Amino acid sequence: MLPYCFVLCRDGQLEDGVVTETRLLAFFLEEARRLALESVGDVEAFVTVMSGAAIRRRPDLHMHVFIVRHRWEKAWVYTVLGAKNAALALWNLRAPLLRWRRTR
């Protein structure tokens, strides 16, 4: 579905807070550029997605990198991500409803 999809991450907590996080994000962007160059020959052919700690499933800082060459590919990335997140949200809503039905 998404042929060039990468997850860049660092396991464990960051010691220095904002300074280390800023350096890590700069490193992630350089890696995204390297991956784009290696994958399709264009250093700027990428989309990144990063979630804040309050809504991400992984505890560590990470960035998703999608290599795209055309705007329609970017639209496809967002369509797939939107569908996945909508399905997960509905799935997560299902569990409380099932518990509620069992208690009636």
PDB file of N, CA and C in Angstrom:
ATOM      1  N   MET A   1       0.807  -1.199   0.000  1.00  0.00           N
ATOM      2  CA  MET A   1       0.000   0.000   0.000  1.00  0.00           C
ATOM      3  C   MET A   1       0.853   1.268   0.000  1.00  0.00           C
ATOM      4  N   LEU A   2       1.842   1.298   0.890  1.00  0.00           N
ATOM      5  CA  LEU A   2       2.773   2.422   0.964  1.00  0.00           C
ATOM      6  C   LEU A   2       4.180   1.845   0.807  1.00  0.00           C
ATOM      7  N   PRO A   3       4.690   1.824  -0.429  1.00  0.00           N
ATOM      8  CA  PRO A   3       5.950   1.112  -0.679  1.00  0.00           C
ATOM      9  C   PRO A   3       7.179   1.664   0.036  1.00  0.00           C
ATOM     10  N   TYR A   4       7.254   2.967   0.212  1.00  0.00           N
ATOM     11  CA  TYR A   4       8.411   3.558   0.878  1.00  0.00           C
ATOM     12  C   TYR A   4       7.976   4.175   2.199  1.00  0.00           C
ATOM     13  N   CYS A   5       7.893   3.351   3.211  1.00  0.00           N
ATOM     14  CA  CYS A   5       7.458   3.780   4.532  1.00  0.00           C
ATOM     15  C   CYS A   5       8.523   3.377   5.544  1.00  0.00           C
ATOM     16  N   PHE A   6       8.986   4.326   6.322  1.00  0.00           N
ATOM     17  CA  PHE A   6      10.029   4.067   7.311  1.00  0.00           C
ATOM     18  C   PHE A   6       9.610   4.657   8.657  1.00  0.00           C
ATOM     19  N   VAL A   7      10.069   4.048   9.726  1.00  0.00           N
ATOM     20  CA  VAL A   7       9.867   4.608  11.063  1.00  0.00           C
ATOM     21  C   VAL A   7      11.246   4.813  11.671  1.00  0.00           C
ATOM     22  N   LEU A   8      11.539   6.049  12.018  1.00  0.00           N
ATOM     23  CA  LEU A   8      12.801   6.391  12.666  1.00  0.00           C
ATOM     24  C   LEU A   8      12.512   6.571  14.150  1.00  0.00           C
ATOM     25  N   CYS A   9      13.263   5.902  14.991  1.00  0.00           N
ATOM     26  CA  CYS A   9      12.968   6.013  16.420  1.00  0.00           C
ATOM     27  C   CYS A   9      14.235   5.899  17.259  1.00  0.00           C
ATOM     28  N   ARG A  10      14.076   6.319  18.488  1.00  0.00           N
ATOM     29  CA  ARG A  10      15.121   6.171  19.494  1.00  0.00           C
ATOM     30  C   ARG A  10      14.455   5.534  20.697  1.00  0.00           C
ATOM     31  N   ASP A  11      14.941   4.375  21.081  1.00  0.00           N
ATOM     32  CA  ASP A  11      14.380   3.702  22.240  1.00  0.00           C
ATOM     33  C   ASP A  11      14.886   4.347  23.517  1.00  0.00           C
ATOM     34  N   GLY A  12      14.018   4.442  24.490  1.00  0.00           N
ATOM     35  CA  GLY A  12      14.411   4.992  25.779  1.00  0.00           C
ATOM     36  C   GLY A  12      14.087   6.466  25.908  1.00  0.00           C
ATOM     37  N   GLN A  13      14.163   6.956  27.117  1.00  0.00           N
ATOM     38  CA  GLN A  13      13.860   8.351  27.414  1.00  0.00           C
ATOM     39  C   GLN A  13      15.020   9.258  27.006  1.00  0.00           C
ATOM     40  N   LEU A  14      14.679  10.490  26.675  1.00  0.00           N
ATOM     41  CA  LEU A  14      15.693  11.492  26.363  1.00  0.00           C
ATOM     42  C   LEU A  14      16.160  12.139  27.649  1.00  0.00           C
ATOM     43  N   GLU A  15      17.465  12.241  27.822  1.00  0.00           N
ATOM     44  CA  GLU A  15      18.019  12.763  29.071  1.00  0.00           C
ATOM     45  C   GLU A  15      17.920  14.278  29.186  1.00  0.00           C
ATOM     46  N   ASP A  16      18.280  14.993  28.120  1.00  0.00           N
ATOM     47  CA  ASP A  16      18.400  16.452  28.204  1.00  0.00           C
ATOM     48  C   ASP A  16      17.140  17.208  27.793  1.00  0.00           C
ATOM     49  N   GLY A  17      16.053  16.539  27.605  1.00  0.00           N
ATOM     50  CA  GLY A  17      14.804  17.211  27.261  1.00  0.00           C
ATOM     51  C   GLY A  17      14.808  17.856  25.895  1.00  0.00           C
ATOM     52  N   VAL A  18      14.502  19.149  25.858  1.00  0.00           N
ATOM     53  CA  VAL A  18      14.285  19.868  24.609  1.00  0.00           C
ATOM     54  C   VAL A  18      15.528  19.897  23.722  1.00  0.00           C
ATOM     55  N   VAL A  19      16.699  20.092  24.293  1.00  0.00           N
ATOM     56  CA  VAL A  19      17.923  20.164  23.493  1.00  0.00           C
ATOM     57  C   VAL A  19      18.162  18.844  22.769  1.00  0.00           C
ATOM     58  N   THR A  20      18.064  17.736  23.480  1.00  0.00           N
ATOM     59  CA  THR A  20      18.280  16.427  22.873  1.00  0.00           C
ATOM     60  C   THR A  20      17.180  16.123  21.862  1.00  0.00           C
ATOM     61  N   GLU A  21      15.948  16.484  22.183  1.00  0.00           N
ATOM     62  CA  GLU A  21      14.841  16.246  21.260  1.00  0.00           C
ATOM     63  C   GLU A  21      15.043  17.029  19.967  1.00  0.00           C
ATOM     64  N   THR A  22      15.503  18.253  20.067  1.00  0.00           N
ATOM     65  CA  THR A  22      15.752  19.070  18.880  1.00  0.00           C
ATOM     66  C   THR A  22      16.845  18.448  18.024  1.00  0.00           C
ATOM     67  N   ARG A  23      17.896  17.972  18.637  1.00  0.00           N
ATOM     68  CA  ARG A  23      18.982  17.307  17.889  1.00  0.00           C
ATOM     69  C   ARG A  23      18.479  16.030  17.231  1.00  0.00           C
ATOM     70  N   LEU A  24      17.654  15.285  17.951  1.00  0.00           N
ATOM     71  CA  LEU A  24      17.123  14.036  17.412  1.00  0.00           C
ATOM     72  C   LEU A  24      16.214  14.316  16.216  1.00  0.00           C
ATOM     73  N   LEU A  25      15.388  15.340  16.298  1.00  0.00           N
ATOM     74  CA  LEU A  25      14.528  15.700  15.176  1.00  0.00           C
ATOM     75  C   LEU A  25      15.349  16.135  13.964  1.00  0.00           C
ATOM     76  N   ALA A  26      16.422  16.872  14.200  1.00  0.00           N
ATOM     77  CA  ALA A  26      17.314  17.270  13.101  1.00  0.00           C
ATOM     78  C   ALA A  26      17.933  16.028  12.459  1.00  0.00           C
ATOM     79  N   PHE A  27      18.329  15.070  13.283  1.00  0.00           N
ATOM     80  CA  PHE A  27      18.880  13.813  12.765  1.00  0.00           C
ATOM     81  C   PHE A  27      17.824  13.067  11.948  1.00  0.00           C
ATOM     82  N   PHE A  28      16.586  13.003  12.464  1.00  0.00           N
ATOM     83  CA  PHE A  28      15.502  12.332  11.743  1.00  0.00           C
ATOM     84  C   PHE A  28      15.281  12.970  10.371  1.00  0.00           C
ATOM     85  N   LEU A  29      15.329  14.310  10.300  1.00  0.00           N
ATOM     86  CA  LEU A  29      15.138  14.982   9.014  1.00  0.00           C
ATOM     87  C   LEU A  29      16.271  14.667   8.039  1.00  0.00           C
ATOM     88  N   GLU A  30      17.480  14.625   8.554  1.00  0.00           N
ATOM     89  CA  GLU A  30      18.606  14.246   7.684  1.00  0.00           C
ATOM     90  C   GLU A  30      18.452  12.811   7.181  1.00  0.00           C
ATOM     91  N   GLU A  31      17.975  11.930   8.052  1.00  0.00           N
ATOM     92  CA  GLU A  31      17.724  10.537   7.638  1.00  0.00           C
ATOM     93  C   GLU A  31      16.609  10.472   6.604  1.00  0.00           C
ATOM     94  N   ALA A  32      15.572  11.277   6.761  1.00  0.00           N
ATOM     95  CA  ALA A  32      14.482  11.307   5.783  1.00  0.00           C
ATOM     96  C   ALA A  32      15.017  11.732   4.411  1.00  0.00           C
ATOM     97  N   ARG A  33      15.870  12.725   4.405  1.00  0.00           N
ATOM     98  CA  ARG A  33      16.468  13.171   3.142  1.00  0.00           C
ATOM     99  C   ARG A  33      17.348  12.081   2.522  1.00  0.00           C
ATOM    100  N   ARG A  34      18.114  11.401   3.358  1.00  0.00           N
ATOM    101  CA  ARG A  34      18.966  10.323   2.864  1.00  0.00           C
ATOM    102  C   ARG A  34      18.125   9.191   2.282  1.00  0.00           C
ATOM    103  N   LEU A  35      17.068   8.814   2.988  1.00  0.00           N
ATOM    104  CA  LEU A  35      16.186   7.747   2.513  1.00  0.00           C
ATOM    105  C   LEU A  35      15.509   8.121   1.194  1.00  0.00           C
ATOM    106  N   ALA A  36      15.088   9.381   1.076  1.00  0.00           N
ATOM    107  CA  ALA A  36      14.465   9.841  -0.167  1.00  0.00           C
ATOM    108  C   ALA A  36      15.457   9.786  -1.318  1.00  0.00           C
ATOM    109  N   LEU A  37      16.675  10.222  -1.062  1.00  0.00           N
ATOM    110  CA  LEU A  37      17.702  10.192  -2.099  1.00  0.00           C
ATOM    111  C   LEU A  37      17.986   8.757  -2.531  1.00  0.00           C
ATOM    112  N   GLU A  38      18.141   7.856  -1.572  1.00  0.00           N
ATOM    113  CA  GLU A  38      18.413   6.455  -1.891  1.00  0.00           C
ATOM    114  C   GLU A  38      17.235   5.767  -2.576  1.00  0.00           C
ATOM    115  N   SER A  39      16.019   6.133  -2.183  1.00  0.00           N
ATOM    116  CA  SER A  39      14.833   5.446  -2.695  1.00  0.00           C
ATOM    117  C   SER A  39      14.418   5.911  -4.088  1.00  0.00           C
ATOM    118  N   VAL A  40      14.395   7.229  -4.295  1.00  0.00           N
ATOM    119  CA  VAL A  40      13.879   7.747  -5.565  1.00  0.00           C
ATOM    120  C   VAL A  40      14.791   8.781  -6.217  1.00  0.00           C
ATOM    121  N   GLY A  41      15.938   9.055  -5.607  1.00  0.00           N
ATOM    122  CA  GLY A  41      16.879   9.979  -6.214  1.00  0.00           C
ATOM    123  C   GLY A  41      16.575  11.454  -6.007  1.00  0.00           C
ATOM    124  N   ASP A  42      15.647  11.776  -5.108  1.00  0.00           N
ATOM    125  CA  ASP A  42      15.287  13.172  -4.845  1.00  0.00           C
ATOM    126  C   ASP A  42      15.304  13.408  -3.340  1.00  0.00           C
ATOM    127  N   VAL A  43      16.212  14.236  -2.880  1.00  0.00           N
ATOM    128  CA  VAL A  43      16.415  14.471  -1.453  1.00  0.00           C
ATOM    129  C   VAL A  43      15.202  15.111  -0.768  1.00  0.00           C
ATOM    130  N   GLU A  44      14.327  15.735  -1.537  1.00  0.00           N
ATOM    131  CA  GLU A  44      13.167  16.430  -0.962  1.00  0.00           C
ATOM    132  C   GLU A  44      11.847  15.695  -1.193  1.00  0.00           C
ATOM    133  N   ALA A  45      11.886  14.446  -1.600  1.00  0.00           N
ATOM    134  CA  ALA A  45      10.667  13.694  -1.930  1.00  0.00           C
ATOM    135  C   ALA A  45      10.180  12.885  -0.735  1.00  0.00           C
ATOM    136  N   PHE A  46       9.761  13.579   0.318  1.00  0.00           N
ATOM    137  CA  PHE A  46       9.294  12.858   1.502  1.00  0.00           C
ATOM    138  C   PHE A  46       8.231  13.635   2.252  1.00  0.00           C
ATOM    139  N   VAL A  47       7.441  12.886   3.031  1.00  0.00           N
ATOM    140  CA  VAL A  47       6.455  13.432   3.960  1.00  0.00           C
ATOM    141  C   VAL A  47       6.786  12.829   5.312  1.00  0.00           C
ATOM    142  N   THR A  48       6.763  13.648   6.362  1.00  0.00           N
ATOM    143  CA  THR A  48       7.009  13.121   7.700  1.00  0.00           C
ATOM    144  C   THR A  48       5.763  13.295   8.560  1.00  0.00           C
ATOM    145  N   VAL A  49       5.584  12.366   9.482  1.00  0.00           N
ATOM    146  CA  VAL A  49       4.493  12.437  10.448  1.00  0.00           C
ATOM    147  C   VAL A  49       5.077  12.122  11.811  1.00  0.00           C
ATOM    148  N   MET A  50       4.808  12.999  12.765  1.00  0.00           N
ATOM    149  CA  MET A  50       5.265  12.779  14.130  1.00  0.00           C
ATOM    150  C   MET A  50       4.147  13.169  15.080  1.00  0.00           C
ATOM    151  N   SER A  51       3.876  12.325  16.055  1.00  0.00           N
ATOM    152  CA  SER A  51       2.813  12.601  17.016  1.00  0.00           C
ATOM    153  C   SER A  51       3.405  12.999  18.362  1.00  0.00           C
ATOM    154  N   GLY A  52       2.678  13.850  19.064  1.00  0.00           N
ATOM    155  CA  GLY A  52       3.078  14.224  20.421  1.00  0.00           C
ATOM    156  C   GLY A  52       2.882  13.059  21.372  1.00  0.00           C
ATOM    157  N   ALA A  53       3.527  13.136  22.502  1.00  0.00           N
ATOM    158  CA  ALA A  53       3.505  12.040  23.480  1.00  0.00           C
ATOM    159  C   ALA A  53       2.100  11.680  23.935  1.00  0.00           C
ATOM    160  N   ALA A  54       1.190  12.632  23.944  1.00  0.00           N
ATOM    161  CA  ALA A  54      -0.167  12.374  24.443  1.00  0.00           C
ATOM    162  C   ALA A  54      -0.963  11.435  23.539  1.00  0.00           C
ATOM    163  N   ILE A  55      -0.620  11.363  22.251  1.00  0.00           N
ATOM    164  CA  ILE A  55      -1.434  10.540  21.353  1.00  0.00           C
ATOM    165  C   ILE A  55      -0.681   9.440  20.623  1.00  0.00           C
ATOM    166  N   ARG A  56       0.598   9.310  20.860  1.00  0.00           N
ATOM    167  CA  ARG A  56       1.311   8.245  20.156  1.00  0.00           C
ATOM    168  C   ARG A  56       1.233   6.937  20.929  1.00  0.00           C
ATOM    169  N   ARG A  57       1.295   5.835  20.195  1.00  0.00           N
ATOM    170  CA  ARG A  57       1.224   4.524  20.825  1.00  0.00           C
ATOM    171  C   ARG A  57       2.576   4.088  21.376  1.00  0.00           C
ATOM    172  N   ARG A  58       3.643   4.491  20.724  1.00  0.00           N
ATOM    173  CA  ARG A  58       4.983   4.158  21.223  1.00  0.00           C
ATOM    174  C   ARG A  58       5.385   5.178  22.275  1.00  0.00           C
ATOM    175  N   PRO A  59       6.070   4.744  23.325  1.00  0.00           N
ATOM    176  CA  PRO A  59       6.461   5.712  24.363  1.00  0.00           C
ATOM    177  C   PRO A  59       7.621   6.610  23.937  1.00  0.00           C
ATOM    178  N   ASP A  60       8.416   6.162  22.987  1.00  0.00           N
ATOM    179  CA  ASP A  60       9.604   6.917  22.592  1.00  0.00           C
ATOM    180  C   ASP A  60       9.297   7.858  21.431  1.00  0.00           C
ATOM    181  N   LEU A  61      10.153   8.853  21.277  1.00  0.00           N
ATOM    182  CA  LEU A  61      10.047   9.794  20.171  1.00  0.00           C
ATOM    183  C   LEU A  61      10.336   9.058  18.875  1.00  0.00           C
ATOM    184  N   HIS A  62       9.467   9.222  17.885  1.00  0.00           N
ATOM    185  CA  HIS A  62       9.700   8.587  16.593  1.00  0.00           C
ATOM    186  C   HIS A  62       9.033   9.404  15.492  1.00  0.00           C
ATOM    187  N   MET A  63       9.470   9.155  14.279  1.00  0.00           N
ATOM    188  CA  MET A  63       8.949   9.876  13.124  1.00  0.00           C
ATOM    189  C   MET A  63       8.699   8.880  12.001  1.00  0.00           C
ATOM    190  N   HIS A  64       7.536   9.003  11.375  1.00  0.00           N
ATOM    191  CA  HIS A  64       7.226   8.192  10.202  1.00  0.00           C
ATOM    192  C   HIS A  64       7.676   8.977   8.974  1.00  0.00           C
ATOM    193  N   VAL A  65       8.333   8.293   8.055  1.00  0.00           N
ATOM    194  CA  VAL A  65       8.801   8.926   6.825  1.00  0.00           C
ATOM    195  C   VAL A  65       8.197   8.168   5.649  1.00  0.00           C
ATOM    196  N   PHE A  66       7.522   8.898   4.791  1.00  0.00           N
ATOM    197  CA  PHE A  66       6.934   8.324   3.587  1.00  0.00           C
ATOM    198  C   PHE A  66       7.599   8.993   2.392  1.00  0.00           C
ATOM    199  N   ILE A  67       8.171   8.189   1.516  1.00  0.00           N
ATOM    200  CA  ILE A  67       8.825   8.720   0.331  1.00  0.00           C
ATOM    201  C   ILE A  67       7.770   8.838  -0.769  1.00  0.00           C
ATOM    202  N   VAL A  68       7.589  10.040  -1.279  1.00  0.00           N
ATOM    203  CA  VAL A  68       6.598  10.298  -2.325  1.00  0.00           C
ATOM    204  C   VAL A  68       7.232  11.152  -3.423  1.00  0.00           C
ATOM    205  N   ARG A  69       6.782  10.937  -4.646  1.00  0.00           N
ATOM    206  CA  ARG A  69       7.297  11.731  -5.762  1.00  0.00           C
ATOM    207  C   ARG A  69       6.254  12.666  -6.349  1.00  0.00           C
ATOM    208  N   HIS A  70       4.975  12.380  -6.054  1.00  0.00           N
ATOM    209  CA  HIS A  70       3.891  13.166  -6.649  1.00  0.00           C
ATOM    210  C   HIS A  70       2.872  13.525  -5.571  1.00  0.00           C
ATOM    211  N   ARG A  71       2.116  14.568  -5.847  1.00  0.00           N
ATOM    212  CA  ARG A  71       1.105  15.014  -4.879  1.00  0.00           C
ATOM    213  C   ARG A  71       0.036  13.945  -4.639  1.00  0.00           C
ATOM    214  N   TRP A  72      -0.303  13.181  -5.682  1.00  0.00           N
ATOM    215  CA  TRP A  72      -1.310  12.139  -5.487  1.00  0.00           C
ATOM    216  C   TRP A  72      -0.799  11.068  -4.525  1.00  0.00           C
ATOM    217  N   GLU A  73       0.519  10.822  -4.504  1.00  0.00           N
ATOM    218  CA  GLU A  73       1.083   9.865  -3.551  1.00  0.00           C
ATOM    219  C   GLU A  73       0.982  10.408  -2.125  1.00  0.00           C
ATOM    220  N   LYS A  74       1.187  11.712  -1.981  1.00  0.00           N
ATOM    221  CA  LYS A  74       1.021  12.344  -0.676  1.00  0.00           C
ATOM    222  C   LYS A  74      -0.433  12.210  -0.222  1.00  0.00           C
ATOM    223  N   ALA A  75      -1.366  12.448  -1.121  1.00  0.00           N
ATOM    224  CA  ALA A  75      -2.783  12.296  -0.799  1.00  0.00           C
ATOM    225  C   ALA A  75      -3.090  10.845  -0.412  1.00  0.00           C
ATOM    226  N   TRP A  76      -2.471   9.892  -1.090  1.00  0.00           N
ATOM    227  CA  TRP A  76      -2.674   8.481  -0.777  1.00  0.00           C
ATOM    228  C   TRP A  76      -2.153   8.158   0.626  1.00  0.00           C
ATOM    229  N   VAL A  77      -1.001   8.701   0.993  1.00  0.00           N
ATOM    230  CA  VAL A  77      -0.454   8.501   2.341  1.00  0.00           C
ATOM    231  C   VAL A  77      -1.466   8.964   3.384  1.00  0.00           C
ATOM    232  N   TYR A  78      -1.997  10.171   3.211  1.00  0.00           N
ATOM    233  CA  TYR A  78      -2.963  10.703   4.180  1.00  0.00           C
ATOM    234  C   TYR A  78      -4.270   9.908   4.179  1.00  0.00           C
ATOM    235  N   THR A  79      -4.678   9.409   3.026  1.00  0.00           N
ATOM    236  CA  THR A  79      -5.890   8.589   2.945  1.00  0.00           C
ATOM    237  C   THR A  79      -5.714   7.293   3.723  1.00  0.00           C
ATOM    238  N   VAL A  80      -4.592   6.626   3.519  1.00  0.00           N
ATOM    239  CA  VAL A  80      -4.318   5.368   4.218  1.00  0.00           C
ATOM    240  C   VAL A  80      -4.207   5.606   5.722  1.00  0.00           C
ATOM    241  N   LEU A  81      -3.473   6.643   6.118  1.00  0.00           N
ATOM    242  CA  LEU A  81      -3.334   6.947   7.544  1.00  0.00           C
ATOM    243  C   LEU A  81      -4.679   7.311   8.171  1.00  0.00           C
ATOM    244  N   GLY A  82      -5.485   8.081   7.454  1.00  0.00           N
ATOM    245  CA  GLY A  82      -6.801   8.448   7.964  1.00  0.00           C
ATOM    246  C   GLY A  82      -7.695   7.233   8.137  1.00  0.00           C
ATOM    247  N   ALA A  83      -7.684   6.341   7.153  1.00  0.00           N
ATOM    248  CA  ALA A  83      -8.499   5.130   7.241  1.00  0.00           C
ATOM    249  C   ALA A  83      -8.032   4.242   8.393  1.00  0.00           C
ATOM    250  N   LYS A  84      -6.712   4.104   8.549  1.00  0.00           N
ATOM    251  CA  LYS A  84      -6.175   3.280   9.637  1.00  0.00           C
ATOM    252  C   LYS A  84      -6.563   3.849  10.996  1.00  0.00           C
ATOM    253  N   ASN A  85      -6.401   5.144  11.167  1.00  0.00           N
ATOM    254  CA  ASN A  85      -6.724   5.761  12.455  1.00  0.00           C
ATOM    255  C   ASN A  85      -8.224   5.765  12.736  1.00  0.00           C
ATOM    256  N   ALA A  86      -9.037   5.930  11.703  1.00  0.00           N
ATOM    257  CA  ALA A  86     -10.492   5.853  11.898  1.00  0.00           C
ATOM    258  C   ALA A  86     -10.895   4.436  12.307  1.00  0.00           C
ATOM    259  N   ALA A  87     -10.309   3.438  11.656  1.00  0.00           N
ATOM    260  CA  ALA A  87     -10.622   2.046  12.008  1.00  0.00           C
ATOM    261  C   ALA A  87     -10.195   1.736  13.439  1.00  0.00           C
ATOM    262  N   LEU A  88      -9.018   2.210  13.836  1.00  0.00           N
ATOM    263  CA  LEU A  88      -8.567   1.989  15.217  1.00  0.00           C
ATOM    264  C   LEU A  88      -9.469   2.694  16.224  1.00  0.00           C
ATOM    265  N   ALA A  89      -9.907   3.896  15.894  1.00  0.00           N
ATOM    266  CA  ALA A  89     -10.794   4.630  16.797  1.00  0.00           C
ATOM    267  C   ALA A  89     -12.120   3.891  16.961  1.00  0.00           C
ATOM    268  N   LEU A  90     -12.664   3.396  15.866  1.00  0.00           N
ATOM    269  CA  LEU A  90     -13.912   2.635  15.945  1.00  0.00           C
ATOM    270  C   LEU A  90     -13.718   1.336  16.721  1.00  0.00           C
ATOM    271  N   TRP A  91     -12.606   0.682  16.496  1.00  0.00           N
ATOM    272  CA  TRP A  91     -12.302  -0.554  17.224  1.00  0.00           C
ATOM    273  C   TRP A  91     -12.203  -0.283  18.726  1.00  0.00           C
ATOM    274  N   ASN A  92     -11.554   0.806  19.088  1.00  0.00           N
ATOM    275  CA  ASN A  92     -11.416   1.153  20.498  1.00  0.00           C
ATOM    276  C   ASN A  92     -12.748   1.563  21.121  1.00  0.00           C
ATOM    277  N   LEU A  93     -13.654   2.143  20.344  1.00  0.00           N
ATOM    278  CA  LEU A  93     -14.988   2.469  20.843  1.00  0.00           C
ATOM    279  C   LEU A  93     -15.811   1.204  21.081  1.00  0.00           C
ATOM    280  N   ARG A  94     -15.538   0.192  20.305  1.00  0.00           N
ATOM    281  CA  ARG A  94     -16.271  -1.064  20.379  1.00  0.00           C
ATOM    282  C   ARG A  94     -16.130  -1.725  21.743  1.00  0.00           C
ATOM    283  N   ALA A  95     -14.951  -1.731  22.322  1.00  0.00           N
ATOM    284  CA  ALA A  95     -14.709  -2.418  23.598  1.00  0.00           C
ATOM    285  C   ALA A  95     -15.579  -1.871  24.728  1.00  0.00           C
ATOM    286  N   PRO A  96     -15.663  -0.554  24.958  1.00  0.00           N
ATOM    287  CA  PRO A  96     -16.552  -0.057  26.018  1.00  0.00           C
ATOM    288  C   PRO A  96     -18.025  -0.382  25.748  1.00  0.00           C
ATOM    289  N   LEU A  97     -18.431  -0.352  24.485  1.00  0.00           N
ATOM    290  CA  LEU A  97     -19.822  -0.675  24.165  1.00  0.00           C
ATOM    291  C   LEU A  97     -20.140  -2.125  24.484  1.00  0.00           C
ATOM    292  N   LEU A  98     -19.193  -3.009  24.200  1.00  0.00           N
ATOM    293  CA  LEU A  98     -19.406  -4.426  24.520  1.00  0.00           C
ATOM    294  C   LEU A  98     -19.502  -4.637  26.026  1.00  0.00           C
ATOM    295  N   ARG A  99     -18.660  -3.945  26.785  1.00  0.00           N
ATOM    296  CA  ARG A  99     -18.725  -4.056  28.251  1.00  0.00           C
ATOM    297  C   ARG A  99     -20.069  -3.532  28.761  1.00  0.00           C
ATOM    298  N   TRP A 100     -20.550  -2.436  28.177  1.00  0.00           N
ATOM    299  CA  TRP A 100     -21.824  -1.859  28.589  1.00  0.00           C
ATOM    300  C   TRP A 100     -22.970  -2.829  28.305  1.00  0.00           C
ATOM    301  N   ARG A 101     -22.932  -3.487  27.146  1.00  0.00           N
ATOM    302  CA  ARG A 101     -23.994  -4.429  26.775  1.00  0.00           C
ATOM    303  C   ARG A 101     -23.991  -5.626  27.698  1.00  0.00           C
ATOM    304  N   ARG A 102     -22.840  -6.076  28.163  1.00  0.00           N
ATOM    305  CA  ARG A 102     -22.745  -7.242  29.048  1.00  0.00           C
ATOM    306  C   ARG A 102     -23.298  -6.947  30.439  1.00  0.00           C
ATOM    307  N   THR A 103     -23.233  -5.691  30.865  1.00  0.00           N
ATOM    308  CA  THR A 103     -23.704  -5.345  32.208  1.00  0.00           C
ATOM    309  C   THR A 103     -25.203  -5.092  32.252  1.00  0.00           C
ATOM    310  N   ARG A 104     -25.860  -5.056  31.154  1.00  0.00           N
ATOM    311  CA  ARG A 104     -27.309  -4.802  31.112  1.00  0.00           C
ATOM    312  C   ARG A 104     -28.085  -6.063  31.283  1.00  0.00           C
TER     313      ARG A 104
END
